């Protein structure tokens, strides 16, 4: 039997986005170059999450199972 494909849990993206949108954005001056960099970072994370969801959909179509991981320290089930 094939092992499930390990992917990060969606919560990882959500936590990063919440931190960047709530905390980091509040700490950066509104019209600074860093604000634009932060905006690009948020867009990139949203794209990454969307691309992962597309990969998951592709796996479902191909009857491949996906296993969400919370950390790299998890022991794979045998």
Protein backbone atom coordinates (compact mmCIF):
# COMPACT_ATOMS: atom_id res chain seq x y z
CA UNK A 1 0.00 0.00 0.00
CA UNK A 2 1.27 3.46 -0.89
CA UNK A 3 2.02 5.89 1.90
CA UNK A 4 -0.07 9.08 2.05
CA UNK A 5 1.55 12.20 0.64
CA UNK A 6 2.73 14.39 3.54
CA UNK A 7 1.60 18.02 3.35
CA UNK A 8 1.60 20.88 5.84
CA UNK A 9 -1.62 21.34 7.72
CA UNK A 10 -3.66 24.33 6.49
CA UNK A 11 -3.40 25.85 9.95
CA UNK A 12 0.26 26.63 9.27
CA UNK A 13 -0.74 29.03 6.50
CA UNK A 14 -3.56 30.49 8.58
CA UNK A 15 -1.31 31.16 11.57
CA UNK A 16 1.33 32.86 9.44
CA UNK A 17 -1.27 34.98 7.65
CA UNK A 18 -2.93 36.03 10.89
CA UNK A 19 0.40 36.98 12.43
CA UNK A 20 1.46 38.99 9.39
CA UNK A 21 -1.91 40.68 8.87
CA UNK A 22 -2.62 41.52 12.51
CA UNK A 23 0.69 41.92 14.29
CA UNK A 24 3.33 42.64 11.66
CA UNK A 25 1.15 45.02 9.65
CA UNK A 26 0.29 47.00 12.78
CA UNK A 27 3.99 47.40 13.60
CA UNK A 28 5.06 48.69 10.17
CA UNK A 29 4.62 52.32 9.13
CA UNK A 30 1.80 52.60 6.59
CA UNK A 31 3.81 54.08 3.69
CA UNK A 32 7.16 52.41 4.25
CA UNK A 33 8.93 50.12 1.77
CA UNK A 34 8.48 47.33 4.32
CA UNK A 35 4.70 47.66 4.04
CA UNK A 36 4.92 46.78 0.34
CA UNK A 37 7.24 43.85 1.12
CA UNK A 38 4.79 42.62 3.73
CA UNK A 39 1.94 42.90 1.25
CA UNK A 40 3.91 40.79 -1.27
CA UNK A 41 4.70 38.22 1.41
CA UNK A 42 1.02 37.90 2.30
CA UNK A 43 0.12 37.47 -1.39
CA UNK A 44 2.81 34.79 -1.75
CA UNK A 45 1.50 32.85 1.26
CA UNK A 46 -2.06 33.02 -0.06
CA UNK A 47 -0.84 31.71 -3.43
CA UNK A 48 1.09 28.89 -1.72
CA UNK A 49 -2.02 27.85 0.19
CA UNK A 50 -4.07 27.94 -3.00
CA UNK A 51 -1.47 25.88 -4.85
CA UNK A 52 -1.43 23.30 -2.07
CA UNK A 53 -5.22 23.02 -2.30
CA UNK A 54 -4.86 22.45 -6.06
CA UNK A 55 -2.30 19.72 -5.36
CA UNK A 56 -4.70 18.12 -2.87
CA UNK A 57 -7.49 18.17 -5.45
CA UNK A 58 -5.18 16.60 -8.01
CA UNK A 59 -4.28 13.89 -5.51
CA UNK A 60 -7.97 13.16 -4.87
CA UNK A 61 -8.61 12.83 -8.60
CA UNK A 62 -5.68 10.41 -8.85
CA UNK A 63 -6.85 8.46 -5.77
CA UNK A 64 -3.75 9.43 -3.80
CA UNK A 65 -4.22 10.00 -0.11
CA UNK A 66 -2.87 13.06 1.67
CA UNK A 67 -1.69 13.21 5.26
CA UNK A 68 -1.53 16.59 7.00
CA UNK A 69 1.48 17.17 9.21
CA UNK A 70 1.81 19.56 12.11
CA UNK A 71 5.58 19.31 12.40
CA UNK A 72 8.62 17.53 11.05
CA UNK A 73 8.91 15.61 14.31
CA UNK A 74 5.88 13.44 13.66
CA UNK A 75 6.56 9.76 13.30
CA UNK A 76 5.06 8.29 10.13
CA UNK A 77 2.60 5.49 10.75
CA UNK A 78 3.80 2.14 9.45
